[in-house]
C-alpha atoms as a PDB file:
ATOM      1  CA  MET A   1      -5.638  -7.276   0.598  1.00  0.00           C
ATOM      2  CA  PRO A   2      -7.333  -8.081  -2.867  1.00  0.00           C
ATOM      3  CA  GLY A   3      -5.105  -8.065  -6.114  1.00  0.00           C
ATOM      4  CA  ARG A   4      -5.569  -7.310  -9.719  1.00  0.00           C
ATOM      5  CA  LEU A   5      -5.459  -9.763 -12.679  1.00  0.00           C
ATOM      6  CA  GLY A   6      -1.904 -10.672 -13.233  1.00  0.00           C
ATOM      7  CA  GLU A   7      -0.749 -10.314  -9.725  1.00  0.00           C
ATOM      8  CA  TRP A   8       0.657 -13.004  -7.479  1.00  0.00           C
ATOM      9  CA  LEU A   9      -1.099 -13.442  -4.159  1.00  0.00           C
ATOM     10  CA  GLU A  10       0.304 -15.796  -1.404  1.00  0.00           C
ATOM     11  CA  HIS A  11      -1.499 -17.998   0.860  1.00  0.00           C
ATOM     12  CA  SER A  12       0.296 -18.506   3.795  1.00  0.00           C
ATOM     13  CA  GLY A  13      -1.857 -21.350   5.279  1.00  0.00           C
ATOM     14  CA  VAL A  14      -0.569 -23.722   2.598  1.00  0.00           C
ATOM     15  CA  TRP A  15       2.412 -21.746   1.303  1.00  0.00           C
ATOM     16  CA  VAL A  16       1.444 -21.321  -2.305  1.00  0.00           C
ATOM     17  CA  ALA A  17       1.406 -18.307  -4.565  1.00  0.00           C
ATOM     18  CA  VAL A  18      -1.455 -17.938  -7.013  1.00  0.00           C
ATOM     19  CA  ARG A  19      -1.887 -15.629  -9.976  1.00  0.00           C
ATOM     20  CA  VAL A  20      -4.998 -15.153 -12.124  1.00  0.00           C
ATOM     21  CA  LEU A  21      -3.616 -14.053 -15.602  1.00  0.00           C
ATOM     22  CA  TRP A  22      -6.844 -13.404 -17.416  1.00  0.00           C
ATOM     23  CA  VAL A  23     -10.700 -13.924 -17.693  1.00  0.00           C
ATOM     24  CA  SER A  24     -12.420 -14.415 -20.961  1.00  0.00           C
ATOM     25  CA  ASP A  25     -15.978 -13.409 -20.535  1.00  0.00           C
ATOM     26  CA  PRO A  26     -17.835 -14.781 -22.568  1.00  0.00           C
ATOM     27  CA  ALA A  27     -15.643 -17.586 -23.903  1.00  0.00           C
ATOM     28  CA  ASP A  28     -18.659 -19.351 -25.870  1.00  0.00           C
ATOM     29  CA  GLU A  29     -16.685 -19.068 -29.299  1.00  0.00           C
ATOM     30  CA  TYR A  30     -13.895 -21.209 -27.703  1.00  0.00           C
ATOM     31  CA  PHE A  31     -16.440 -23.919 -26.828  1.00  0.00           C
ATOM     32  CA  ALA A  32     -18.181 -23.829 -30.099  1.00  0.00           C
ATOM     33  CA  ALA A  33     -14.877 -24.090 -31.951  1.00  0.00           C
ATOM     34  CA  GLU A  34     -14.636 -27.517 -30.267  1.00  0.00           C
ATOM     35  CA  GLY A  35     -18.080 -28.474 -30.739  1.00  0.00           C
ATOM     36  CA  ILE A  36     -19.264 -27.891 -27.151  1.00  0.00           C
ATOM     37  CA  GLY A  37     -22.663 -26.203 -26.735  1.00  0.00           C
ATOM     38  CA  VAL A  38     -23.426 -23.822 -23.906  1.00  0.00           C
ATOM     39  CA  PRO A  39     -26.906 -24.203 -22.197  1.00  0.00           C
ATOM     40  CA  ALA A  40     -29.563 -21.772 -23.325  1.00  0.00           C
ATOM     41  CA  GLY A  41     -29.563 -18.490 -20.846  1.00  0.00           C
ATOM     42  CA  GLN A  42     -25.914 -19.307 -19.814  1.00  0.00           C
ATOM     43  CA  ARG A  43     -22.494 -18.224 -20.944  1.00  0.00           C
ATOM     44  CA  SER A  44     -19.234 -19.949 -20.521  1.00  0.00           C
ATOM     45  CA  LEU A  45     -16.078 -18.258 -19.010  1.00  0.00           C
ATOM     46  CA  LEU A  46     -12.415 -19.240 -19.286  1.00  0.00           C
ATOM     47  CA  VAL A  47      -9.876 -18.282 -16.509  1.00  0.00           C
ATOM     48  CA  ALA A  48      -5.984 -18.763 -16.868  1.00  0.00           C
ATOM     49  CA  SER A  49      -4.000 -19.034 -13.656  1.00  0.00           C
ATOM     50  CA  GLU A  50      -0.741 -20.270 -12.244  1.00  0.00           C
ATOM     51  CA  LEU A  51       0.125 -21.834  -8.882  1.00  0.00           C
ATOM     52  CA  THR A  52       3.634 -21.976  -7.418  1.00  0.00           C
ATOM     53  CA  ASN A  53       4.246 -24.287  -4.383  1.00  0.00           C
ATOM     54  CA  LEU A  54       6.328 -22.470  -1.715  1.00  0.00           C
ATOM     55  CA  ALA A  55       6.174 -25.261   0.727  1.00  0.00           C
ATOM     56  CA  GLU A  56       8.484 -28.151   1.399  1.00  0.00           C
ATOM     57  CA  ASP A  57       5.944 -30.646   0.941  1.00  0.00           C
ATOM     58  CA  ASP A  58       3.840 -31.367  -2.115  1.00  0.00           C
ATOM     59  CA  PHE A  59       0.767 -29.361  -2.801  1.00  0.00           C
ATOM     60  CA  LEU A  60      -1.829 -32.360  -3.303  1.00  0.00           C
ATOM     61  CA  ALA A  61      -5.058 -30.672  -4.147  1.00  0.00           C
ATOM     62  CA  PRO A  62      -5.963 -29.910  -7.793  1.00  0.00           C
ATOM     63  CA  PRO A  63      -4.515 -26.219  -8.323  1.00  0.00           C
ATOM     64  CA  ASP A  64      -7.927 -24.822  -9.387  1.00  0.00           C
ATOM     65  CA  LEU A  65     -10.108 -26.766  -6.813  1.00  0.00           C
ATOM     66  CA  GLY A  66     -10.906 -23.680  -4.883  1.00  0.00           C
ATOM     67  CA  LEU A  67     -10.898 -21.236  -7.893  1.00  0.00           C
ATOM     68  CA  VAL A  68     -14.607 -19.695  -7.985  1.00  0.00           C
ATOM     69  CA  LEU A  69     -16.123 -16.635  -9.683  1.00  0.00           C
ATOM     70  CA  VAL A  70     -18.159 -14.323  -7.532  1.00  0.00           C
ATOM     71  CA  ASP A  71     -20.918 -12.267  -9.240  1.00  0.00           C
ATOM     72  CA  SER A  72     -22.510  -8.860  -8.214  1.00  0.00           C
ATOM     73  CA  GLY A  73     -25.096 -10.641  -6.226  1.00  0.00           C
ATOM     74  CA  GLY A  74     -22.414 -12.498  -4.218  1.00  0.00           C
ATOM     75  CA  ASP A  75     -23.243 -15.952  -5.599  1.00  0.00           C
ATOM     76  CA  ARG A  76     -20.195 -18.186  -6.050  1.00  0.00           C
ATOM     77  CA  HIS A  77     -19.946 -20.187  -9.180  1.00  0.00           C
ATOM     78  CA  GLY A  78     -17.568 -23.262  -9.107  1.00  0.00           C
ATOM     79  CA  ARG A  79     -15.757 -24.643 -12.145  1.00  0.00           C
ATOM     80  CA  ALA A  80     -17.408 -26.541 -14.822  1.00  0.00           C
ATOM     81  CA  VAL A  81     -16.324 -29.955 -16.231  1.00  0.00           C
ATOM     82  CA  ALA A  82     -14.994 -29.257 -19.682  1.00  0.00           C
ATOM     83  CA  THR A  83     -11.849 -29.655 -21.681  1.00  0.00           C
ATOM     84  CA  LEU A  84     -10.717 -27.498 -24.458  1.00  0.00           C
ATOM     85  CA  THR A  85      -7.835 -28.738 -26.586  1.00  0.00           C
ATOM     86  CA  ALA A  86      -6.602 -25.040 -27.244  1.00  0.00           C
ATOM     87  CA  TYR A  87      -6.973 -23.998 -23.368  1.00  0.00           C
ATOM     88  CA  PRO A  88      -5.700 -27.191 -21.354  1.00  0.00           C
ATOM     89  CA  ARG A  89      -6.830 -27.688 -17.820  1.00  0.00           C
ATOM     90  CA  TYR A  90      -4.275 -28.157 -14.917  1.00  0.00           C
ATOM     91  CA  ARG A  91      -2.338 -31.415 -15.265  1.00  0.00           C
ATOM     92  CA  ASN A  92      -3.373 -34.229 -12.685  1.00  0.00           C
ATOM     93  CA  GLY A  93      -1.051 -34.970  -9.811  1.00  0.00           C
ATOM     94  CA  PRO A  94       0.736 -33.151  -6.976  1.00  0.00           C
ATOM     95  CA  VAL A  95       2.697 -29.959  -7.326  1.00  0.00           C
ATOM     96  CA  GLY A  96       6.134 -30.528  -6.010  1.00  0.00           C
ATOM     97  CA  SER A  97       8.150 -28.078  -3.732  1.00  0.00           C
ATOM     98  CA  GLY A  98       9.351 -25.174  -5.776  1.00  0.00           C
ATOM     99  CA  GLU A  99       7.177 -26.086  -8.696  1.00  0.00           C
ATOM    100  CA  SER A 100       4.996 -23.868 -10.675  1.00  0.00           C
ATOM    101  CA  VAL A 101       2.034 -25.007 -12.932  1.00  0.00           C
ATOM    102  CA  SER A 102      -0.486 -23.202 -15.027  1.00  0.00           C
ATOM    103  CA  GLY A 103      -3.823 -24.069 -16.567  1.00  0.00           C
ATOM    104  CA  HIS A 104      -7.350 -23.072 -17.629  1.00  0.00           C
ATOM    105  CA  THR A 105     -10.423 -23.391 -15.737  1.00  0.00           C
ATOM    106  CA  TYR A 106     -13.927 -23.249 -17.144  1.00  0.00           C
ATOM    107  CA  PHE A 107     -17.127 -21.669 -15.762  1.00  0.00           C
ATOM    108  CA  VAL A 108     -20.675 -21.348 -16.808  1.00  0.00           C
ATOM    109  CA  LEU A 109     -22.738 -18.455 -15.523  1.00  0.00           C
ATOM    110  CA  PRO A 110     -26.198 -17.017 -16.287  1.00  0.00           C
ATOM    111  CA  HIS A 111     -26.167 -14.457 -18.978  1.00  0.00           C
ATOM    112  CA  ALA A 112     -27.671 -11.954 -16.437  1.00  0.00           C
ATOM    113  CA  ALA A 113     -24.865 -12.294 -13.967  1.00  0.00           C
ATOM    114  CA  THR A 114     -22.323  -9.496 -13.629  1.00  0.00           C
ATOM    115  CA  LEU A 115     -18.948 -10.891 -12.779  1.00  0.00           C
ATOM    116  CA  ARG A 116     -17.465  -9.136  -9.851  1.00  0.00           C
ATOM    117  CA  HIS A 117     -14.143 -10.903  -8.939  1.00  0.00           C
ATOM    118  CA  VAL A 118     -12.176 -14.105  -8.774  1.00  0.00           C
ATOM    119  CA  GLU A 119     -11.506 -16.006  -5.401  1.00  0.00           C
ATOM    120  CA  TRP A 120      -9.122 -18.957  -4.470  1.00  0.00           C
ATOM    121  CA  THR A 121      -9.084 -21.168  -1.475  1.00  0.00           C
ATOM    122  CA  ALA A 122      -6.648 -24.026  -0.990  1.00  0.00           C
ATOM    123  CA  ALA A 123      -9.466 -26.666  -0.553  1.00  0.00           C
ATOM    124  CA  GLY A 124     -12.524 -25.000  -2.012  1.00  0.00           C
ATOM    125  CA  SER A 125     -13.640 -24.232   1.448  1.00  0.00           C
ATOM    126  CA  ASP A 126     -15.406 -20.906   2.688  1.00  0.00           C
ATOM    127  CA  ASP A 127     -13.834 -21.428   6.047  1.00  0.00           C
ATOM    128  CA  GLU A 128     -10.237 -20.820   4.751  1.00  0.00           C
ATOM    129  CA  PRO A 129      -8.408 -17.507   3.870  1.00  0.00           C
ATOM    130  CA  VAL A 130      -9.504 -16.570   0.574  1.00  0.00           C
ATOM    131  CA  LEU A 131      -7.370 -14.892  -2.145  1.00  0.00           C
ATOM    132  CA  THR A 132      -9.232 -12.303  -4.324  1.00  0.00           C
ATOM    133  CA  TRP A 133      -8.625 -10.868  -7.608  1.00  0.00           C
ATOM    134  CA  LEU A 134     -10.903  -7.697  -8.393  1.00  0.00           C
ATOM    135  CA  LEU A 135     -11.973  -7.309 -12.040  1.00  0.00           C
END
C-alpha cells in the first residue's frame, strides 16, 4: 500500500524501514547557490529521506541506491551525481543493525515532466518489492 510523504514504509525483503520526508521541486536555487548549473530544459529536484535497518545484519547498499522519481508518463528517473554542502548526501558505508541514517538525493528531470510519486527498492531493481510515496 502506498504511503504519503513523512510516513515510514517497511520493506520486509531486506528488513528496513524507509521514510521520504520531503521533495523540493524545483530545487534549482539550491544548486545555483553553490555554483552548480542545471542543464537547459531540465530542472533539479531534492529529496530528503531516512532509512532504519531493522535486520540483524548490516544493510550494505547505499540507502538511496533504489530511490527513483516517477513522472506522469511512467518514466523512472534515477539519482543524479551532485553534492550540496547545505543538503548532504547519505554517508558512505554500511547501515548497522538498528541504526538510522538520513540524507538527501538529487535528481534532474525535464521541465515538462510532472512528478507523480517516489519509489524505493533495496537494490534499485524493478523486480523487487517497491515502496511508493504518493505526492
